[in-house]
Amino acid sequence: MSENDLPKGITVEEEIDVSEGVIQPFTHGVISTWIGKRKTPAGHRIVRAGRVVGYLAESEKASILLGGAEAKARLFEIEAEGMCRFEADSYSMVGLGAIAEVVPEAFEHPADAQGLLARGDTVERLLSRDLSVVLAKLVENVTVRGAIAVDSGMLIDSAGELPTDGEQLAKEVGETIVGREKVAKGLGFSNSGHWTLHTGDGALLLAHTGEIAIAVWTEANANHTRLVHALRGGLTPVIAFLGPAMAGLLAGSFVVETIFGIPGLGRFYVEAAFNRDYPMILGSSIFFSFLIVSFNLISDLVAAALNPKLRD
């Protein structure tokens, strides 16, 4: 079932339980169902934030790839026959996003794919997948208790100690942003920015642009202005990563396009190498080089705008 083979992730050593409602021992990835001595899996469960949110399975004719609720029913039918084993691979958020972009129909509910599928501003979506760098930097501050990154009300990542469940906090932050935008619009303010809420024993800093937000729980006496500046500094390595990442988005992924047979520059480059099509190889190499240089220059300019120290 070559069309159902997914990229290899980090093997999960813990025992896997696929019972309904069970939280998996890894954050993002896939659980593959293997039958007997077959060399390819019969199907996959897609895991996000420890929960099974999607399914992929082969049809009875083994020539059609099923997704979503249809795949779930087929996978249960296959597993009911017995003689099956489960193996899990852990992915990063970016890796899970790559799967979502190739087979979005695998998700049982469209809301479970929010924050994974590229839509709107590409730079913002990339930032939402790499905000873990920023969160890790924030929690190094002694006044910070914990922080979460949110995209469209969905939890992207978390760090430190949170007052309650991260998924529930992300949902509440998303609802808060919607309410704030209504207030800001009524007062004539910008939809993006940061603001502070004080509680009895602490404070909450909420910084957002559009639907992407970072919520930070701090001590009551924390200087949120300094934290915001630290936030901007923490984005510098992420911006530096965006240069080659943006070039890769436009040029296409060699691995994904080759595995799934998707037409794109990456796949054409590989085929040209096998066919010894030297003009195509040279032209593609020049084009890729131009993209990398151009986007690296743009990322350097954006990093300099965020961090004045880099201008010297």
Protein backbone atom coordinates (compact mmCIF):
# COMPACT_ATOMS: atom_id res chain seq x y z
CA MET A 1 0.00 0.00 0.00
CA SER A 2 2.55 2.55 -1.17
CA GLU A 3 0.09 5.44 -1.17
CA ASN A 4 -0.56 4.81 2.53
CA ASP A 5 3.09 4.78 3.63
CA LEU A 6 3.92 7.88 5.68
CA PRO A 7 7.35 9.44 6.31
CA LYS A 8 9.31 7.81 9.12
CA GLY A 9 9.31 9.69 12.42
CA ILE A 10 10.85 8.95 15.82
CA THR A 11 9.85 5.47 17.00
CA VAL A 12 7.74 5.48 20.17
CA GLU A 13 8.93 2.77 22.56
CA GLU A 14 5.97 2.93 24.98
CA GLU A 15 3.11 0.45 24.69
CA ILE A 16 0.30 1.73 22.48
CA ASP A 17 -3.37 1.48 23.45
CA VAL A 18 -5.82 2.38 20.65
CA SER A 19 -8.96 2.21 22.80
CA GLU A 20 -11.39 5.10 22.33
CA GLY A 21 -10.53 8.19 24.42
CA VAL A 22 -7.07 7.02 25.51
CA ILE A 23 -4.39 9.75 25.64
CA GLN A 24 -1.29 8.55 23.77
CA PRO A 25 2.22 8.67 25.32
CA PHE A 26 3.47 11.09 22.65
CA THR A 27 2.29 14.50 21.46
CA HIS A 28 2.04 14.39 17.66
CA GLY A 29 2.47 11.55 15.18
CA VAL A 30 0.86 8.40 13.80
CA ILE A 31 -0.07 4.94 15.02
CA SER A 32 0.24 2.35 12.26
CA THR A 33 -1.71 -0.92 12.15
CA TRP A 34 0.26 -3.91 10.88
CA ILE A 35 -1.41 -7.20 9.94
CA GLY A 36 0.47 -10.49 10.17
CA LYS A 37 3.67 -10.57 8.10
CA ARG A 38 2.64 -7.86 5.64
CA LYS A 39 5.41 -5.49 4.63
CA THR A 40 3.14 -2.42 4.56
CA PRO A 41 0.66 -1.11 7.16
CA ALA A 42 -3.08 -1.57 6.72
CA GLY A 43 -3.81 1.90 8.04
CA HIS A 44 -2.86 4.76 10.35
CA ARG A 45 -4.30 6.78 13.20
CA ILE A 46 -3.20 10.42 13.21
CA VAL A 47 -2.41 11.80 16.67
CA ARG A 48 -2.40 15.45 17.68
CA ALA A 49 -1.83 16.64 21.24
CA GLY A 50 -2.04 13.02 22.43
CA ARG A 51 -5.50 12.43 20.92
CA VAL A 52 -6.42 10.40 17.84
CA VAL A 53 -7.91 12.96 15.44
CA GLY A 54 -7.71 11.25 12.06
CA TYR A 55 -7.60 7.95 10.20
CA LEU A 56 -6.16 6.53 6.99
CA ALA A 57 -6.87 3.01 5.73
CA GLU A 58 -6.80 0.99 2.54
CA SER A 59 -10.07 -0.02 0.94
CA GLU A 60 -11.08 -3.66 0.41
CA LYS A 61 -9.54 -3.52 -3.08
CA ALA A 62 -6.32 -2.11 -1.58
CA SER A 63 -6.15 0.42 -4.42
CA ILE A 64 -8.08 3.29 -2.85
CA LEU A 65 -6.94 5.26 0.19
CA LEU A 66 -9.77 6.03 2.60
CA GLY A 67 -9.75 8.94 5.03
CA GLY A 68 -11.70 10.25 8.01
CA ALA A 69 -14.78 8.44 9.32
CA GLU A 70 -14.78 6.03 6.37
CA ALA A 71 -11.18 5.04 7.11
CA LYS A 72 -12.00 4.68 10.83
CA ALA A 73 -14.76 2.18 10.10
CA ARG A 74 -12.55 0.23 7.68
CA LEU A 75 -9.63 0.18 10.14
CA PHE A 76 -11.84 -1.15 12.94
CA GLU A 77 -13.09 -3.83 10.54
CA ILE A 78 -9.52 -4.88 9.68
CA GLU A 79 -8.42 -4.94 13.32
CA ALA A 80 -11.46 -7.01 14.33
CA GLU A 81 -10.02 -9.90 12.31
CA GLY A 82 -7.13 -10.10 14.81
CA MET A 83 -3.42 -10.80 14.25
CA CYS A 84 -2.57 -7.11 14.27
CA ARG A 85 0.06 -5.04 16.04
CA PHE A 86 0.50 -1.30 16.54
CA GLU A 87 3.61 0.80 16.01
CA ALA A 88 3.81 4.54 16.63
CA ASP A 89 6.04 7.29 15.23
CA SER A 90 6.32 10.73 16.81
CA TYR A 91 6.35 13.82 14.54
CA SER A 92 7.04 17.48 15.15
CA MET A 93 4.20 19.93 14.56
CA VAL A 94 5.79 20.77 11.19
CA GLY A 95 5.89 17.08 10.25
CA LEU A 96 2.25 16.62 11.19
CA GLY A 97 1.44 19.73 9.15
CA ALA A 98 3.09 18.17 6.10
CA ILE A 99 0.81 15.13 6.44
CA ALA A 100 -2.24 17.36 6.86
CA GLU A 101 -1.42 19.26 3.69
CA VAL A 102 -1.11 16.04 1.66
CA VAL A 103 -4.15 14.17 3.06
CA PRO A 104 -6.43 16.72 4.79
CA GLU A 105 -9.37 14.33 4.35
CA ALA A 106 -7.79 12.05 6.98
CA PHE A 107 -9.08 14.27 9.80
CA GLU A 108 -12.45 13.18 11.16
CA HIS A 109 -13.38 16.77 12.03
CA PRO A 110 -12.01 19.79 10.08
CA ALA A 111 -11.41 21.67 13.36
CA ASP A 112 -8.71 19.13 14.28
CA ALA A 113 -6.64 20.29 11.30
CA GLN A 114 -6.73 23.97 12.28
CA GLY A 115 -3.27 25.43 12.67
CA LEU A 116 -1.79 22.60 10.56
CA LEU A 117 -3.07 23.46 7.11
CA ALA A 118 -1.48 26.45 5.43
CA ARG A 119 -3.97 29.27 5.01
CA GLY A 120 -3.82 33.01 5.20
CA ASP A 121 -0.43 34.58 5.79
CA THR A 122 2.25 31.91 5.22
CA VAL A 123 4.76 33.62 7.50
CA GLU A 124 2.25 33.68 10.37
CA ARG A 125 1.50 29.98 9.90
CA LEU A 126 5.19 29.14 9.92
CA LEU A 127 5.66 31.20 13.06
CA SER A 128 2.79 29.38 14.76
CA ARG A 129 4.61 26.08 14.18
CA ASP A 130 7.91 27.31 15.60
CA LEU A 131 6.77 29.35 18.58
CA SER A 132 8.10 26.63 20.88
CA VAL A 133 11.46 28.43 20.58
CA VAL A 134 9.88 31.61 21.90
CA LEU A 135 8.04 29.80 24.71
CA ALA A 136 11.23 28.08 25.88
CA LYS A 137 12.96 31.46 26.03
CA LEU A 138 10.09 33.08 27.92
CA VAL A 139 9.93 30.48 30.71
CA GLU A 140 13.63 31.05 31.42
CA ASN A 141 12.54 34.32 33.03
CA VAL A 142 12.12 33.82 36.78
CA THR A 143 8.88 35.82 36.81
CA VAL A 144 7.20 33.58 34.21
CA ARG A 145 5.19 30.61 35.47
CA GLY A 146 4.07 29.17 32.15
CA ALA A 147 3.09 30.04 28.59
CA ILE A 148 1.14 28.64 25.64
CA ALA A 149 1.07 29.35 21.90
CA VAL A 150 -2.34 29.31 20.24
CA ASP A 151 -3.54 29.34 16.63
CA SER A 152 -7.27 29.71 15.94
CA GLY A 153 -8.11 28.53 19.45
CA MET A 154 -5.99 25.36 19.03
CA LEU A 155 -3.01 24.60 21.28
CA ILE A 156 0.29 24.74 19.36
CA ASP A 157 2.74 24.24 22.23
CA SER A 158 3.15 24.94 25.94
CA ALA A 159 5.96 25.43 28.44
CA GLY A 160 6.24 25.78 32.21
CA GLU A 161 3.41 25.35 34.71
CA LEU A 162 -0.11 26.13 33.50
CA PRO A 163 -3.09 26.97 35.75
CA THR A 164 -5.21 24.26 34.05
CA ASP A 165 -5.38 21.99 30.98
CA GLY A 166 -3.55 23.45 27.96
CA GLU A 167 -6.25 22.55 25.43
CA GLN A 168 -8.93 24.27 27.51
CA LEU A 169 -6.70 27.33 28.03
CA ALA A 170 -6.08 27.57 24.28
CA LYS A 171 -9.83 27.53 23.62
CA GLU A 172 -10.42 30.27 26.21
CA VAL A 173 -7.57 32.37 24.78
CA GLY A 174 -9.09 32.06 21.30
CA GLU A 175 -12.48 33.22 22.60
CA THR A 176 -10.81 36.09 24.49
CA ILE A 177 -9.06 37.27 21.30
CA VAL A 178 -12.37 37.31 19.43
CA GLY A 179 -13.92 39.43 22.19
CA ARG A 180 -10.93 41.79 22.33
CA GLU A 181 -11.04 42.32 18.57
CA LYS A 182 -14.67 43.40 18.81
CA VAL A 183 -13.79 45.87 21.57
CA ALA A 184 -10.73 47.14 19.68
CA LYS A 185 -12.76 47.62 16.51
CA GLY A 186 -15.39 49.59 18.43
CA LEU A 187 -12.71 51.86 19.94
CA GLY A 188 -10.80 52.25 16.68
CA PHE A 189 -7.70 50.38 17.91
CA SER A 190 -5.56 47.88 16.04
CA ASN A 191 -6.60 44.22 16.24
CA SER A 192 -2.99 43.16 16.94
CA GLY A 193 -1.00 43.99 20.06
CA HIS A 194 -0.58 42.93 23.68
CA TRP A 195 -2.45 43.57 26.89
CA THR A 196 -2.31 42.57 30.54
CA LEU A 197 -4.85 41.12 32.98
CA HIS A 198 -4.08 41.28 36.72
CA THR A 199 -5.38 38.65 39.16
CA GLY A 200 -5.04 38.25 42.91
CA ASP A 201 -1.76 36.35 42.85
CA GLY A 202 -0.40 36.94 39.34
CA ALA A 203 -0.92 38.43 35.91
CA LEU A 204 -1.62 37.31 32.34
CA LEU A 205 0.17 38.76 29.31
CA LEU A 206 -1.61 38.13 26.00
CA ALA A 207 0.17 39.07 22.77
CA HIS A 208 -1.42 38.28 19.41
CA THR A 209 -1.62 39.06 15.73
CA GLY A 210 -4.75 37.82 14.00
CA GLU A 211 -5.59 34.36 15.36
CA ILE A 212 -2.02 33.56 16.47
CA ALA A 213 -1.35 34.35 20.13
CA ILE A 214 0.98 33.77 23.06
CA ALA A 215 -0.47 33.74 26.57
CA VAL A 216 2.03 34.10 29.43
CA TRP A 217 1.24 33.57 33.13
CA THR A 218 3.57 35.60 35.36
CA GLU A 219 4.11 36.81 38.90
CA ALA A 220 2.08 39.90 39.84
CA ASN A 221 5.17 42.17 39.81
CA ALA A 222 6.49 41.00 36.41
CA ASN A 223 7.49 43.68 33.90
CA HIS A 224 5.40 42.80 30.85
CA THR A 225 7.01 45.48 28.71
CA ARG A 226 10.38 43.75 29.11
CA LEU A 227 8.78 40.40 28.36
CA VAL A 228 7.37 41.74 25.10
CA HIS A 229 10.83 42.95 24.10
CA ALA A 230 12.25 39.55 25.06
CA LEU A 231 9.54 38.02 22.90
CA ARG A 232 10.72 40.03 19.92
CA GLY A 233 14.30 38.96 20.60
CA GLY A 234 13.21 35.34 20.83
CA LEU A 235 11.73 35.57 17.35
CA THR A 236 15.15 36.31 15.81
CA PRO A 237 16.22 32.65 15.40
CA VAL A 238 12.75 31.79 14.10
CA ILE A 239 12.98 34.55 11.48
CA ALA A 240 16.43 33.28 10.51
CA PHE A 241 14.87 29.86 9.91
CA LEU A 242 12.11 31.32 7.73
CA GLY A 243 14.50 32.21 4.89
CA PRO A 244 15.30 28.67 3.73
CA ALA A 245 11.87 27.45 4.93
CA MET A 246 10.04 29.85 2.63
CA ALA A 247 12.27 28.82 -0.28
CA GLY A 248 11.43 25.22 0.49
CA LEU A 249 7.70 25.97 0.48
CA LEU A 250 7.84 27.52 -2.97
CA ALA A 251 10.32 25.08 -4.48
CA GLY A 252 8.50 22.02 -3.20
CA SER A 253 9.53 19.16 -0.94
CA PHE A 254 11.76 16.54 -2.56
CA VAL A 255 10.78 13.82 -0.10
CA VAL A 256 7.02 14.43 0.17
CA GLU A 257 6.51 14.98 -3.56
CA THR A 258 8.51 11.87 -4.49
CA ILE A 259 6.80 9.61 -1.92
CA PHE A 260 3.25 10.73 -2.70
CA GLY A 261 3.73 11.33 -6.43
CA ILE A 262 2.76 15.01 -6.22
CA PRO A 263 3.79 17.11 -9.23
CA GLY A 264 6.17 19.86 -8.18
CA LEU A 265 9.65 21.30 -8.65
CA GLY A 266 11.14 18.95 -6.07
CA ARG A 267 9.84 15.86 -7.85
CA PHE A 268 10.87 17.17 -11.29
CA TYR A 269 14.37 17.82 -9.95
CA VAL A 270 14.68 14.21 -8.75
CA GLU A 271 13.34 12.84 -12.04
CA ALA A 272 15.76 15.04 -13.99
CA ALA A 273 18.66 13.62 -11.94
CA PHE A 274 17.61 10.04 -12.71
CA ASN A 275 17.05 10.84 -16.42
CA ARG A 276 20.32 12.81 -16.69
CA ASP A 277 18.42 15.85 -17.95
CA TYR A 278 21.30 18.28 -17.39
CA PRO A 279 19.53 21.50 -18.59
CA MET A 280 16.67 20.80 -16.15
CA ILE A 281 19.12 20.06 -13.31
CA LEU A 282 21.11 23.26 -13.94
CA GLY A 283 18.00 25.41 -14.33
CA SER A 284 16.41 24.01 -11.15
CA SER A 285 19.64 24.46 -9.18
CA ILE A 286 19.91 28.10 -10.26
CA PHE A 287 16.25 28.70 -9.39
CA PHE A 288 16.58 27.07 -5.94
CA SER A 289 19.74 29.07 -5.26
CA PHE A 290 17.97 32.31 -6.20
CA LEU A 291 15.09 31.49 -3.83
CA ILE A 292 17.39 30.67 -0.92
CA VAL A 293 19.48 33.85 -1.38
CA SER A 294 16.39 36.04 -1.79
CA PHE A 295 14.53 34.74 1.26
CA ASN A 296 17.67 34.70 3.40
CA LEU A 297 18.07 38.39 2.56
CA ILE A 298 14.44 39.08 3.47
CA SER A 299 14.74 37.17 6.75
CA ASP A 300 17.90 39.13 7.63
CA LEU A 301 16.11 42.43 7.00
CA VAL A 302 13.13 41.36 9.13
CA ALA A 303 15.45 40.17 11.94
CA ALA A 304 17.24 43.53 11.87
CA ALA A 305 13.89 45.32 12.12
CA LEU A 306 12.98 43.25 15.20
CA ASN A 307 16.37 43.55 16.89
CA PRO A 308 18.12 46.94 16.53
CA LYS A 309 21.41 45.42 17.78
CA LEU A 310 21.72 43.52 14.50
CA ARG A 311 21.82 46.78 12.53
CA ASP A 312 25.27 47.73 13.87
